[in-house]
Amino acid sequence: MPPRRGSQHNSTTNGCQLALNVLYFGMLGPLSSIPLARLIEAGVPVRAVVLPDEDAAAPAMVIAPPPAMPRAAIVLQPAQPDIARLAHQARIPLVQAGDLRHAHTLRLLGSYTADVALVSCFARLIPRALRDLPRHGFLNLHPSLLPRLRGPAPLFWVFREGAGAGVAVHAMSGRLDAGDIVAQLPLDFPDGATYAEAERICAQHGVQLMLDLLAALARGALARQPQDELQATYRPAPGPADFVAPPDWPARHAFNFMRGVEGFGHARAMVDHMERTVLHAIEWRPDAAAGPEPGDTRWLRFADGAVRAQLAPVG
């Protein structure tokens, strides 16, 4: 999926960034695993991979890996391994951390002597004491065009609002998603992209930004741009009302929203004056004239057209 506007995506696997030791923070999903796999492939020295512990009070601990496997054994297709498996396959220490302020956590993560920490989808705020460990701080990959759509579920809101798709890398600060922007790239999702597909597109372009930034850091040429607080928007985790596609939306927007939230949840829409759950959006048309459909497949009318969708049975 090409970016919407041109960008300088030259190869950064020429060794410029290889002198920088990296801590990698992520979770068990493609927005974390795809970047980590690419960093490993590029030869970036990832000193440790950090996962959040469900117990927020637990100090960090190294999770013992299964029998060591050579780097050549890393297989990225047909299924994408999660970051725990990638770390084990590449013989990278895997750390699980709950209390990020705990003295043991800081000692353990400090022992890896990282130059920079890279973060992609990590559901914890990073405290100042931890942010100060790497000399270049923490850089976070965020799947929206900051300062718009700060918050825990930006991709949902990209689909909901119908605009603002892209990736940003920003320096982490004491406020969520508010640190200086160091790289940003607008993207277009294809019509009908699912949540998982959008995550994959963001991860693939986002890790290229990370590689470019590692090379820039090694050259001492990283530019930082403060976020414009007047343009900033914050969106919380979506609630039930946020999954409703209003009938005054354009049909294309409604279709892309319904497809986009599949896997995250299910959209809902009005059918014969009753709200129904949409299991799968099939297609959209720029005219609202559409014939009847059998069973629970229906044409849903919107402002300038209709969406053909499979609905959940009533009752």
C-alpha atoms as a PDB file:
ATOM      1  CA  MET A   1       0.000   0.000   0.000  1.00  0.00           C
ATOM      2  CA  PRO A   2       1.838   3.139  -1.125  1.00  0.00           C
ATOM      3  CA  PRO A   3       1.807   6.281   1.015  1.00  0.00           C
ATOM      4  CA  ARG A   4      -0.551   9.035  -0.087  1.00  0.00           C
ATOM      5  CA  ARG A   5       2.213  11.566  -0.498  1.00  0.00           C
ATOM      6  CA  GLY A   6       5.824  11.086  -1.451  1.00  0.00           C
ATOM      7  CA  SER A   7       8.412  10.453   1.247  1.00  0.00           C
ATOM      8  CA  GLN A   8      12.110   9.738   1.410  1.00  0.00           C
ATOM      9  CA  HIS A   9      12.218   6.029   2.201  1.00  0.00           C
ATOM     10  CA  ASN A  10      15.790   5.212   1.318  1.00  0.00           C
ATOM     11  CA  SER A  11      17.277   2.051   2.747  1.00  0.00           C
ATOM     12  CA  THR A  12      18.700   2.450   6.222  1.00  0.00           C
ATOM     13  CA  THR A  13      20.267  -0.996   6.399  1.00  0.00           C
ATOM     14  CA  ASN A  14      23.705   0.357   5.455  1.00  0.00           C
ATOM     15  CA  GLY A  15      25.033   0.098   8.983  1.00  0.00           C
ATOM     16  CA  CYS A  16      24.384   3.702  10.081  1.00  0.00           C
ATOM     17  CA  GLN A  17      21.948   2.659  12.747  1.00  0.00           C
ATOM     18  CA  LEU A  18      23.657  -0.554  13.821  1.00  0.00           C
ATOM     19  CA  ALA A  19      25.753   1.180  16.488  1.00  0.00           C
ATOM     20  CA  LEU A  20      22.595   2.075  18.436  1.00  0.00           C
ATOM     21  CA  ASN A  21      21.414  -0.453  21.004  1.00  0.00           C
ATOM     22  CA  VAL A  22      17.611  -0.669  21.195  1.00  0.00           C
ATOM     23  CA  LEU A  23      15.059  -1.625  23.833  1.00  0.00           C
ATOM     24  CA  TYR A  24      11.770  -2.603  22.186  1.00  0.00           C
ATOM     25  CA  PHE A  25       8.413  -2.219  23.991  1.00  0.00           C
ATOM     26  CA  GLY A  26       5.259  -3.778  22.549  1.00  0.00           C
ATOM     27  CA  MET A  27       2.330  -6.151  22.942  1.00  0.00           C
ATOM     28  CA  LEU A  28       1.009  -9.325  21.310  1.00  0.00           C
ATOM     29  CA  GLY A  29      -0.373  -7.919  18.046  1.00  0.00           C
ATOM     30  CA  PRO A  30       0.731  -7.019  14.499  1.00  0.00           C
ATOM     31  CA  LEU A  31       1.345  -3.359  15.292  1.00  0.00           C
ATOM     32  CA  SER A  32       4.125  -4.599  17.598  1.00  0.00           C
ATOM     33  CA  SER A  33       5.288  -7.773  15.872  1.00  0.00           C
ATOM     34  CA  ILE A  34       5.711  -6.489  12.301  1.00  0.00           C
ATOM     35  CA  PRO A  35       8.089  -3.660  13.316  1.00  0.00           C
ATOM     36  CA  LEU A  36      10.116  -5.938  15.594  1.00  0.00           C
ATOM     37  CA  ALA A  37      10.525  -8.542  12.854  1.00  0.00           C
ATOM     38  CA  ARG A  38      11.729  -5.902  10.409  1.00  0.00           C
ATOM     39  CA  LEU A  39      14.184  -4.435  12.937  1.00  0.00           C
ATOM     40  CA  ILE A  40      15.650  -7.892  13.533  1.00  0.00           C
ATOM     41  CA  GLU A  41      15.880  -8.550   9.793  1.00  0.00           C
ATOM     42  CA  ALA A  42      17.695  -5.226   9.334  1.00  0.00           C
ATOM     43  CA  GLY A  43      20.316  -6.207  11.887  1.00  0.00           C
ATOM     44  CA  VAL A  44      19.348  -3.623  14.497  1.00  0.00           C
ATOM     45  CA  PRO A  45      20.838  -4.698  17.865  1.00  0.00           C
ATOM     46  CA  VAL A  46      17.689  -5.146  19.951  1.00  0.00           C
ATOM     47  CA  ARG A  47      19.029  -5.720  23.453  1.00  0.00           C
ATOM     48  CA  ALA A  48      15.689  -6.742  25.022  1.00  0.00           C
ATOM     49  CA  VAL A  49      11.972  -6.937  24.218  1.00  0.00           C
ATOM     50  CA  VAL A  50       9.571  -5.725  26.917  1.00  0.00           C
ATOM     51  CA  LEU A  51       5.951  -6.821  27.371  1.00  0.00           C
ATOM     52  CA  PRO A  52       3.502  -5.393  29.943  1.00  0.00           C
ATOM     53  CA  ASP A  53       2.676  -7.684  32.859  1.00  0.00           C
ATOM     54  CA  GLU A  54      -1.015  -8.053  33.708  1.00  0.00           C
ATOM     55  CA  ASP A  55      -0.022  -7.478  37.330  1.00  0.00           C
ATOM     56  CA  ALA A  56       0.719  -3.740  37.345  1.00  0.00           C
ATOM     57  CA  ALA A  57       2.577  -4.074  40.659  1.00  0.00           C
ATOM     58  CA  ALA A  58       4.981  -6.778  39.498  1.00  0.00           C
ATOM     59  CA  PRO A  59       8.646  -5.824  39.006  1.00  0.00           C
ATOM     60  CA  ALA A  60      10.282  -6.755  35.724  1.00  0.00           C
ATOM     61  CA  MET A  61      11.459 -10.306  35.166  1.00  0.00           C
ATOM     62  CA  VAL A  62      13.162 -12.092  32.296  1.00  0.00           C
ATOM     63  CA  ILE A  63      10.980 -14.831  30.815  1.00  0.00           C
ATOM     64  CA  ALA A  64      13.026 -17.940  30.127  1.00  0.00           C
ATOM     65  CA  PRO A  65      13.025 -18.758  26.397  1.00  0.00           C
ATOM     66  CA  PRO A  66      12.485 -22.184  24.832  1.00  0.00           C
ATOM     67  CA  PRO A  67      15.565 -23.902  23.318  1.00  0.00           C
ATOM     68  CA  ALA A  68      17.555 -21.385  21.281  1.00  0.00           C
ATOM     69  CA  MET A  69      16.902 -21.093  17.565  1.00  0.00           C
ATOM     70  CA  PRO A  70      19.214 -19.414  15.049  1.00  0.00           C
ATOM     71  CA  ARG A  71      18.186 -16.069  13.528  1.00  0.00           C
ATOM     72  CA  ALA A  72      17.795 -17.835  10.176  1.00  0.00           C
ATOM     73  CA  ALA A  73      14.869 -19.778  11.656  1.00  0.00           C
ATOM     74  CA  ILE A  74      12.694 -16.670  11.917  1.00  0.00           C
ATOM     75  CA  VAL A  75       9.738 -17.257   9.612  1.00  0.00           C
ATOM     76  CA  LEU A  76       7.447 -14.324   8.869  1.00  0.00           C
ATOM     77  CA  GLN A  77       4.956 -16.070   6.599  1.00  0.00           C
ATOM     78  CA  PRO A  78       2.311 -17.270   6.311  1.00  0.00           C
ATOM     79  CA  ALA A  79       1.554 -16.270   9.918  1.00  0.00           C
ATOM     80  CA  GLN A  80       3.198 -13.361  11.743  1.00  0.00           C
ATOM     81  CA  PRO A  81       4.747 -14.514  15.046  1.00  0.00           C
ATOM     82  CA  ASP A  82       4.057 -12.390  18.106  1.00  0.00           C
ATOM     83  CA  ILE A  83       6.891 -10.436  19.695  1.00  0.00           C
ATOM     84  CA  ALA A  84       7.475 -13.035  22.410  1.00  0.00           C
ATOM     85  CA  ARG A  85       8.149 -15.747  19.828  1.00  0.00           C
ATOM     86  CA  LEU A  86      10.233 -13.371  17.704  1.00  0.00           C
ATOM     87  CA  ALA A  87      12.371 -12.507  20.725  1.00  0.00           C
ATOM     88  CA  HIS A  88      12.881 -16.157  21.585  1.00  0.00           C
ATOM     89  CA  GLN A  89      13.684 -17.108  18.002  1.00  0.00           C
ATOM     90  CA  ALA A  90      16.267 -14.339  17.747  1.00  0.00           C
ATOM     91  CA  ARG A  91      17.655 -15.119  21.225  1.00  0.00           C
ATOM     92  CA  ILE A  92      16.762 -11.662  22.494  1.00  0.00           C
ATOM     93  CA  PRO A  93      15.949 -11.407  26.231  1.00  0.00           C
ATOM     94  CA  LEU A  94      12.196 -11.147  26.801  1.00  0.00           C
ATOM     95  CA  VAL A  95      11.221  -9.040  29.805  1.00  0.00           C
ATOM     96  CA  GLN A  96       7.772  -8.841  31.372  1.00  0.00           C
ATOM     97  CA  ALA A  97       7.228  -5.707  33.421  1.00  0.00           C
ATOM     98  CA  GLY A  98       4.305  -4.485  35.507  1.00  0.00           C
ATOM     99  CA  ASP A  99       5.615  -1.756  37.804  1.00  0.00           C
ATOM    100  CA  LEU A 100       7.755   0.408  35.525  1.00  0.00           C
ATOM    101  CA  ARG A 101       8.866   2.555  38.490  1.00  0.00           C
ATOM    102  CA  HIS A 102      10.117  -0.361  40.588  1.00  0.00           C
ATOM    103  CA  ALA A 103      13.821  -0.156  41.435  1.00  0.00           C
ATOM    104  CA  HIS A 104      14.382  -3.711  40.167  1.00  0.00           C
ATOM    105  CA  THR A 105      12.666  -2.868  36.859  1.00  0.00           C
ATOM    106  CA  LEU A 106      14.888   0.164  36.374  1.00  0.00           C
ATOM    107  CA  ARG A 107      18.041  -1.796  37.267  1.00  0.00           C
ATOM    108  CA  LEU A 108      17.169  -4.665  34.930  1.00  0.00           C
ATOM    109  CA  LEU A 109      16.249  -2.503  31.949  1.00  0.00           C
ATOM    110  CA  GLY A 110      19.198  -0.199  32.625  1.00  0.00           C
ATOM    111  CA  SER A 111      21.548  -3.178  32.456  1.00  0.00           C
ATOM    112  CA  TYR A 112      20.878  -3.525  28.719  1.00  0.00           C
ATOM    113  CA  THR A 113      22.624  -0.164  28.096  1.00  0.00           C
ATOM    114  CA  ALA A 114      20.202   0.907  25.382  1.00  0.00           C
ATOM    115  CA  ASP A 115      20.820   4.038  23.357  1.00  0.00           C
ATOM    116  CA  VAL A 116      17.130   4.405  22.476  1.00  0.00           C
ATOM    117  CA  ALA A 117      13.841   2.664  23.241  1.00  0.00           C
ATOM    118  CA  LEU A 118      11.354   2.022  20.434  1.00  0.00           C
ATOM    119  CA  VAL A 119       7.698   1.543  21.361  1.00  0.00           C
ATOM    120  CA  SER A 120       4.808   0.272  19.267  1.00  0.00           C
ATOM    121  CA  CYS A 121       1.503  -0.437  20.989  1.00  0.00           C
ATOM    122  CA  PHE A 122       2.431  -0.581  24.675  1.00  0.00           C
ATOM    123  CA  ALA A 123      -0.489  -0.012  27.031  1.00  0.00           C
ATOM    124  CA  ARG A 124       1.362   1.742  29.854  1.00  0.00           C
ATOM    125  CA  LEU A 125       2.635   5.266  30.408  1.00  0.00           C
ATOM    126  CA  ILE A 126       6.425   5.299  30.608  1.00  0.00           C
ATOM    127  CA  PRO A 127       7.606   7.058  33.805  1.00  0.00           C
ATOM    128  CA  ARG A 128      10.341   9.690  33.727  1.00  0.00           C
ATOM    129  CA  ALA A 129      12.895   7.483  35.486  1.00  0.00           C
ATOM    130  CA  LEU A 130      12.546   4.858  32.751  1.00  0.00           C
ATOM    131  CA  ARG A 131      12.430   7.393  29.900  1.00  0.00           C
ATOM    132  CA  ASP A 132      15.745   8.783  31.122  1.00  0.00           C
ATOM    133  CA  LEU A 133      17.609   5.450  30.890  1.00  0.00           C
ATOM    134  CA  PRO A 134      18.369   5.498  27.120  1.00  0.00           C
ATOM    135  CA  ARG A 135      20.419   8.536  26.097  1.00  0.00           C
ATOM    136  CA  HIS A 136      18.051   9.205  23.178  1.00  0.00           C
ATOM    137  CA  GLY A 137      14.909   8.537  25.209  1.00  0.00           C
ATOM    138  CA  PHE A 138      11.775   6.712  24.024  1.00  0.00           C
ATOM    139  CA  LEU A 139      10.294   6.972  20.513  1.00  0.00           C
ATOM    140  CA  ASN A 140       6.721   5.763  20.051  1.00  0.00           C
ATOM    141  CA  LEU A 141       4.986   4.654  16.844  1.00  0.00           C
ATOM    142  CA  HIS A 142       1.400   5.986  16.804  1.00  0.00           C
ATOM    143  CA  PRO A 143      -1.127   4.992  14.076  1.00  0.00           C
ATOM    144  CA  SER A 144      -2.585   8.430  13.362  1.00  0.00           C
ATOM    145  CA  LEU A 145      -1.386  11.844  12.257  1.00  0.00           C
ATOM    146  CA  LEU A 146      -0.552  13.583  15.506  1.00  0.00           C
ATOM    147  CA  PRO A 147      -1.594  15.788  17.174  1.00  0.00           C
ATOM    148  CA  ARG A 148      -4.974  14.465  15.953  1.00  0.00           C
ATOM    149  CA  LEU A 149      -6.413  11.337  17.531  1.00  0.00           C
ATOM    150  CA  ARG A 150      -4.287  10.936  20.598  1.00  0.00           C
ATOM    151  CA  GLY A 151      -5.465   8.133  22.833  1.00  0.00           C
ATOM    152  CA  PRO A 152      -5.653   4.348  23.191  1.00  0.00           C
ATOM    153  CA  ALA A 153      -7.527   3.381  19.985  1.00  0.00           C
ATOM    154  CA  PRO A 154      -6.548   5.808  17.203  1.00  0.00           C
ATOM    155  CA  LEU A 155      -7.288   3.431  14.327  1.00  0.00           C
ATOM    156  CA  PHE A 156     -10.889   3.040  15.457  1.00  0.00           C
ATOM    157  CA  TRP A 157     -11.284   6.811  15.341  1.00  0.00           C
ATOM    158  CA  VAL A 158      -9.586   7.053  11.944  1.00  0.00           C
ATOM    159  CA  PHE A 159     -12.371   4.822  10.610  1.00  0.00           C
ATOM    160  CA  ARG A 160     -15.022   6.581  12.678  1.00  0.00           C
ATOM    161  CA  GLU A 161     -14.051  10.082  11.560  1.00  0.00           C
ATOM    162  CA  GLY A 162     -13.173   9.050   8.018  1.00  0.00           C
ATOM    163  CA  ALA A 163      -9.921  11.031   7.869  1.00  0.00           C
ATOM    164  CA  GLY A 164      -6.455  11.366   9.316  1.00  0.00           C
ATOM    165  CA  ALA A 165      -4.969   7.975   8.386  1.00  0.00           C
ATOM    166  CA  GLY A 166      -1.219   7.804   8.802  1.00  0.00           C
ATOM    167  CA  VAL A 167       1.618   7.019  11.173  1.00  0.00           C
ATOM    168  CA  ALA A 168       3.696   9.230  13.429  1.00  0.00           C
ATOM    169  CA  VAL A 169       6.766   8.622  15.548  1.00  0.00           C
ATOM    170  CA  HIS A 170       7.058  10.927  18.532  1.00  0.00           C
ATOM    171  CA  ALA A 171       9.322  11.347  21.517  1.00  0.00           C
ATOM    172  CA  MET A 172       7.528  10.102  24.605  1.00  0.00           C
ATOM    173  CA  SER A 173       6.858  12.583  27.401  1.00  0.00           C
ATOM    174  CA  GLY A 174       4.864  12.655  30.627  1.00  0.00           C
ATOM    175  CA  ARG A 175       1.580  13.099  28.705  1.00  0.00           C
ATOM    176  CA  LEU A 176      -0.050  10.509  26.466  1.00  0.00           C
ATOM    177  CA  ASP A 177       0.960  10.915  22.790  1.00  0.00           C
ATOM    178  CA  ALA A 178       1.997  14.537  23.372  1.00  0.00           C
ATOM    179  CA  GLY A 179       5.783  14.522  22.833  1.00  0.00           C
ATOM    180  CA  ASP A 180       7.652  16.118  19.935  1.00  0.00           C
ATOM    181  CA  ILE A 181       7.016  14.583  16.508  1.00  0.00           C
ATOM    182  CA  VAL A 182      10.158  13.244  14.845  1.00  0.00           C
ATOM    183  CA  ALA A 183       8.565  11.650  11.750  1.00  0.00           C
ATOM    184  CA  GLN A 184       5.118  11.443  10.186  1.00  0.00           C
ATOM    185  CA  LEU A 185       3.617   9.911   7.048  1.00  0.00           C
ATOM    186  CA  PRO A 186       0.030  10.240   5.723  1.00  0.00           C
ATOM    187  CA  LEU A 187      -1.502   7.025   4.361  1.00  0.00           C
ATOM    188  CA  ASP A 188      -4.582   5.947   2.451  1.00  0.00           C
ATOM    189  CA  PHE A 189      -6.335   2.726   3.400  1.00  0.00           C
ATOM    190  CA  PRO A 190      -8.022   0.923   0.493  1.00  0.00           C
ATOM    191  CA  ASP A 191     -11.807   0.813   0.500  1.00  0.00           C
ATOM    192  CA  GLY A 192     -12.977  -2.096   2.612  1.00  0.00           C
ATOM    193  CA  ALA A 193      -9.783  -2.412   4.665  1.00  0.00           C
ATOM    194  CA  THR A 194     -10.319  -4.267   7.919  1.00  0.00           C
ATOM    195  CA  TYR A 195      -8.850  -3.254  11.261  1.00  0.00           C
ATOM    196  CA  ALA A 196      -6.144  -5.925  10.919  1.00  0.00           C
ATOM    197  CA  GLU A 197      -5.263  -4.754   7.413  1.00  0.00           C
ATOM    198  CA  ALA A 198      -5.009  -1.150   8.591  1.00  0.00           C
ATOM    199  CA  GLU A 199      -2.746  -2.218  11.465  1.00  0.00           C
ATOM    200  CA  ARG A 200      -0.511  -4.074   9.022  1.00  0.00           C
ATOM    201  CA  ILE A 201      -0.255  -1.052   6.689  1.00  0.00           C
ATOM    202  CA  CYS A 202       0.599   1.248   9.602  1.00  0.00           C
ATOM    203  CA  ALA A 203       3.163  -1.203  10.982  1.00  0.00           C
ATOM    204  CA  GLN A 204       4.904  -1.671   7.626  1.00  0.00           C
ATOM    205  CA  HIS A 205       5.279   2.047   6.984  1.00  0.00           C
ATOM    206  CA  GLY A 206       5.892   2.847  10.635  1.00  0.00           C
ATOM    207  CA  VAL A 207       8.900   0.564  10.972  1.00  0.00           C
ATOM    208  CA  GLN A 208      10.470   2.185   7.912  1.00  0.00           C
ATOM    209  CA  LEU A 209      10.165   5.496   9.739  1.00  0.00           C
ATOM    210  CA  MET A 210      11.843   3.850  12.735  1.00  0.00           C
ATOM    211  CA  LEU A 211      14.743   2.604  10.604  1.00  0.00           C
ATOM    212  CA  ASP A 212      15.191   6.038   9.039  1.00  0.00           C
ATOM    213  CA  LEU A 213      15.163   7.623  12.496  1.00  0.00           C
ATOM    214  CA  LEU A 214      17.795   5.218  13.828  1.00  0.00           C
ATOM    215  CA  ALA A 215      20.047   6.226  10.954  1.00  0.00           C
ATOM    216  CA  ALA A 216      19.368   9.918  11.673  1.00  0.00           C
ATOM    217  CA  LEU A 217      20.136   9.425  15.367  1.00  0.00           C
ATOM    218  CA  ALA A 218      23.421   7.741  14.510  1.00  0.00           C
ATOM    219  CA  ARG A 219      24.323  10.791  12.415  1.00  0.00           C
ATOM    220  CA  GLY A 220      23.187  13.189  15.136  1.00  0.00           C
ATOM    221  CA  ALA A 221      20.617  14.654  12.739  1.00  0.00           C
ATOM    222  CA  LEU A 222      17.246  13.897  14.315  1.00  0.00           C
ATOM    223  CA  ALA A 223      14.774  16.767  13.895  1.00  0.00           C
ATOM    224  CA  ARG A 224      12.000  17.320  16.459  1.00  0.00           C
ATOM    225  CA  GLN A 225       8.804  19.309  15.970  1.00  0.00           C
ATOM    226  CA  PRO A 226       6.642  20.235  18.985  1.00  0.00           C
ATOM    227  CA  GLN A 227       2.998  19.261  18.590  1.00  0.00           C
ATOM    228  CA  ASP A 228       0.502  22.064  18.048  1.00  0.00           C
ATOM    229  CA  GLU A 229      -1.769  21.842  21.074  1.00  0.00           C
ATOM    230  CA  LEU A 230      -4.406  23.968  19.325  1.00  0.00           C
ATOM    231  CA  GLN A 231      -4.792  21.187  16.730  1.00  0.00           C
ATOM    232  CA  ALA A 232      -4.691  18.325  19.228  1.00  0.00           C
ATOM    233  CA  THR A 233      -7.622  15.957  19.691  1.00  0.00           C
ATOM    234  CA  TYR A 234      -7.933  13.141  22.193  1.00  0.00           C
ATOM    235  CA  ARG A 235     -10.266  10.185  21.760  1.00  0.00           C
ATOM    236  CA  PRO A 236     -10.914   7.639  24.533  1.00  0.00           C
ATOM    237  CA  ALA A 237     -11.543   3.932  24.087  1.00  0.00           C
ATOM    238  CA  PRO A 238     -14.803   3.650  22.104  1.00  0.00           C
ATOM    239  CA  GLY A 239     -18.085   2.952  23.862  1.00  0.00           C
ATOM    240  CA  PRO A 240     -21.244   1.271  22.504  1.00  0.00           C
ATOM    241  CA  ALA A 241     -22.653   4.476  20.965  1.00  0.00           C
ATOM    242  CA  ASP A 242     -19.449   4.971  18.952  1.00  0.00           C
ATOM    243  CA  PHE A 243     -20.123   1.812  16.918  1.00  0.00           C
ATOM    244  CA  VAL A 244     -23.354   3.199  15.418  1.00  0.00           C
ATOM    245  CA  ALA A 245     -23.139   4.339  11.772  1.00  0.00           C
ATOM    246  CA  PRO A 246     -25.641   7.249  11.446  1.00  0.00           C
ATOM    247  CA  PRO A 247     -27.894   7.239   8.361  1.00  0.00           C
ATOM    248  CA  ASP A 248     -26.759  10.765   7.400  1.00  0.00           C
ATOM    249  CA  TRP A 249     -23.201   9.539   6.715  1.00  0.00           C
ATOM    250  CA  PRO A 250     -22.010   9.120   3.103  1.00  0.00           C
ATOM    251  CA  ALA A 251     -22.371   5.479   2.064  1.00  0.00           C
ATOM    252  CA  ARG A 252     -18.657   5.043   1.341  1.00  0.00           C
ATOM    253  CA  HIS A 253     -17.757   6.331   4.812  1.00  0.00           C
ATOM    254  CA  ALA A 254     -20.300   3.986   6.405  1.00  0.00           C
ATOM    255  CA  PHE A 255     -18.975   1.013   4.415  1.00  0.00           C
ATOM    256  CA  ASN A 256     -15.355   1.696   5.348  1.00  0.00           C
ATOM    257  CA  PHE A 257     -16.301   2.217   8.994  1.00  0.00           C
ATOM    258  CA  MET A 258     -18.224  -1.060   9.147  1.00  0.00           C
ATOM    259  CA  ARG A 259     -15.362  -2.964   7.533  1.00  0.00           C
ATOM    260  CA  GLY A 260     -12.728  -1.126   9.525  1.00  0.00           C
ATOM    261  CA  VAL A 261     -14.070  -2.023  12.955  1.00  0.00           C
ATOM    262  CA  GLU A 262     -14.493  -5.721  12.111  1.00  0.00           C
ATOM    263  CA  GLY A 263     -12.202  -7.573  14.491  1.00  0.00           C
ATOM    264  CA  PHE A 264     -12.376  -4.706  16.983  1.00  0.00           C
ATOM    265  CA  GLY A 265     -16.128  -5.015  17.379  1.00  0.00           C
ATOM    266  CA  HIS A 266     -19.233  -4.797  15.204  1.00  0.00           C
ATOM    267  CA  ALA A 267     -20.822  -1.661  13.809  1.00  0.00           C
ATOM    268  CA  ARG A 268     -24.549  -1.075  14.174  1.00  0.00           C
ATOM    269  CA  ALA A 269     -26.994   0.652  11.851  1.00  0.00           C
ATOM    270  CA  MET A 270     -30.684   1.503  11.641  1.00  0.00           C
ATOM    271  CA  VAL A 271     -32.853  -0.967   9.716  1.00  0.00           C
ATOM    272  CA  ASP A 272     -36.640  -0.427   9.539  1.00  0.00           C
ATOM    273  CA  HIS A 273     -36.467   1.928  12.538  1.00  0.00           C
ATOM    274  CA  MET A 274     -34.566  -0.657  14.585  1.00  0.00           C
ATOM    275  CA  GLU A 275     -30.857  -0.738  15.423  1.00  0.00           C
ATOM    276  CA  ARG A 276     -29.177  -3.880  14.070  1.00  0.00           C
ATOM    277  CA  THR A 277     -25.687  -5.333  14.462  1.00  0.00           C
ATOM    278  CA  VAL A 278     -23.655  -5.507  11.245  1.00  0.00           C
ATOM    279  CA  LEU A 279     -21.641  -8.725  11.020  1.00  0.00           C
ATOM    280  CA  HIS A 280     -20.025  -7.909   7.683  1.00  0.00           C
ATOM    281  CA  ALA A 281     -20.263  -5.066   5.168  1.00  0.00           C
ATOM    282  CA  ILE A 282     -20.189  -6.545   1.654  1.00  0.00           C
ATOM    283  CA  GLU A 283     -20.247  -3.569  -0.749  1.00  0.00           C
ATOM    284  CA  TRP A 284     -21.525  -0.047  -1.211  1.00  0.00           C
ATOM    285  CA  ARG A 285     -23.240   1.771  -4.063  1.00  0.00           C
ATOM    286  CA  PRO A 286     -23.534   5.493  -4.797  1.00  0.00           C
ATOM    287  CA  ASP A 287     -27.281   5.199  -5.242  1.00  0.00           C
ATOM    288  CA  ALA A 288     -29.803   4.118  -2.659  1.00  0.00           C
ATOM    289  CA  ALA A 289     -31.976   2.132  -5.057  1.00  0.00           C
ATOM    290  CA  ALA A 290     -31.364  -1.544  -4.327  1.00  0.00           C
ATOM    291  CA  GLY A 291     -33.542  -4.595  -4.441  1.00  0.00           C
ATOM    292  CA  PRO A 292     -34.497  -6.918  -1.584  1.00  0.00           C
ATOM    293  CA  GLU A 293     -32.032  -9.486  -0.244  1.00  0.00           C
ATOM    294  CA  PRO A 294     -32.694 -12.908   1.275  1.00  0.00           C
ATOM    295  CA  GLY A 295     -32.382 -13.657   4.980  1.00  0.00           C
ATOM    296  CA  ASP A 296     -30.271 -11.306   7.092  1.00  0.00           C
ATOM    297  CA  THR A 297     -28.494  -9.653   4.152  1.00  0.00           C
ATOM    298  CA  ARG A 298     -29.878  -6.162   3.661  1.00  0.00           C
ATOM    299  CA  TRP A 299     -29.207  -2.897   1.844  1.00  0.00           C
ATOM    300  CA  LEU A 300     -28.740  -0.134   4.405  1.00  0.00           C
ATOM    301  CA  ARG A 301     -29.569   3.370   3.211  1.00  0.00           C
ATOM    302  CA  PHE A 302     -27.258   6.298   3.863  1.00  0.00           C
ATOM    303  CA  ALA A 303     -27.107   9.927   2.738  1.00  0.00           C
ATOM    304  CA  ASP A 304     -25.958   9.336  -0.829  1.00  0.00           C
ATOM    305  CA  GLY A 305     -26.161   5.585  -1.376  1.00  0.00           C
ATOM    306  CA  ALA A 306     -26.470   2.226   0.260  1.00  0.00           C
ATOM    307  CA  VAL A 307     -24.335  -0.452   1.931  1.00  0.00           C
ATOM    308  CA  ARG A 308     -25.064  -4.136   1.451  1.00  0.00           C
ATOM    309  CA  ALA A 309     -24.400  -5.913   4.736  1.00  0.00           C
ATOM    310  CA  GLN A 310     -24.899  -9.179   6.580  1.00  0.00           C
ATOM    311  CA  LEU A 311     -26.772  -8.506   9.814  1.00  0.00           C
ATOM    312  CA  ALA A 312     -26.911 -10.466  13.043  1.00  0.00           C
ATOM    313  CA  PRO A 313     -30.219 -12.287  13.507  1.00  0.00           C
ATOM    314  CA  VAL A 314     -32.796 -10.502  15.651  1.00  0.00           C
ATOM    315  CA  GLY A 315     -33.378 -11.935  19.096  1.00  0.00           C
END
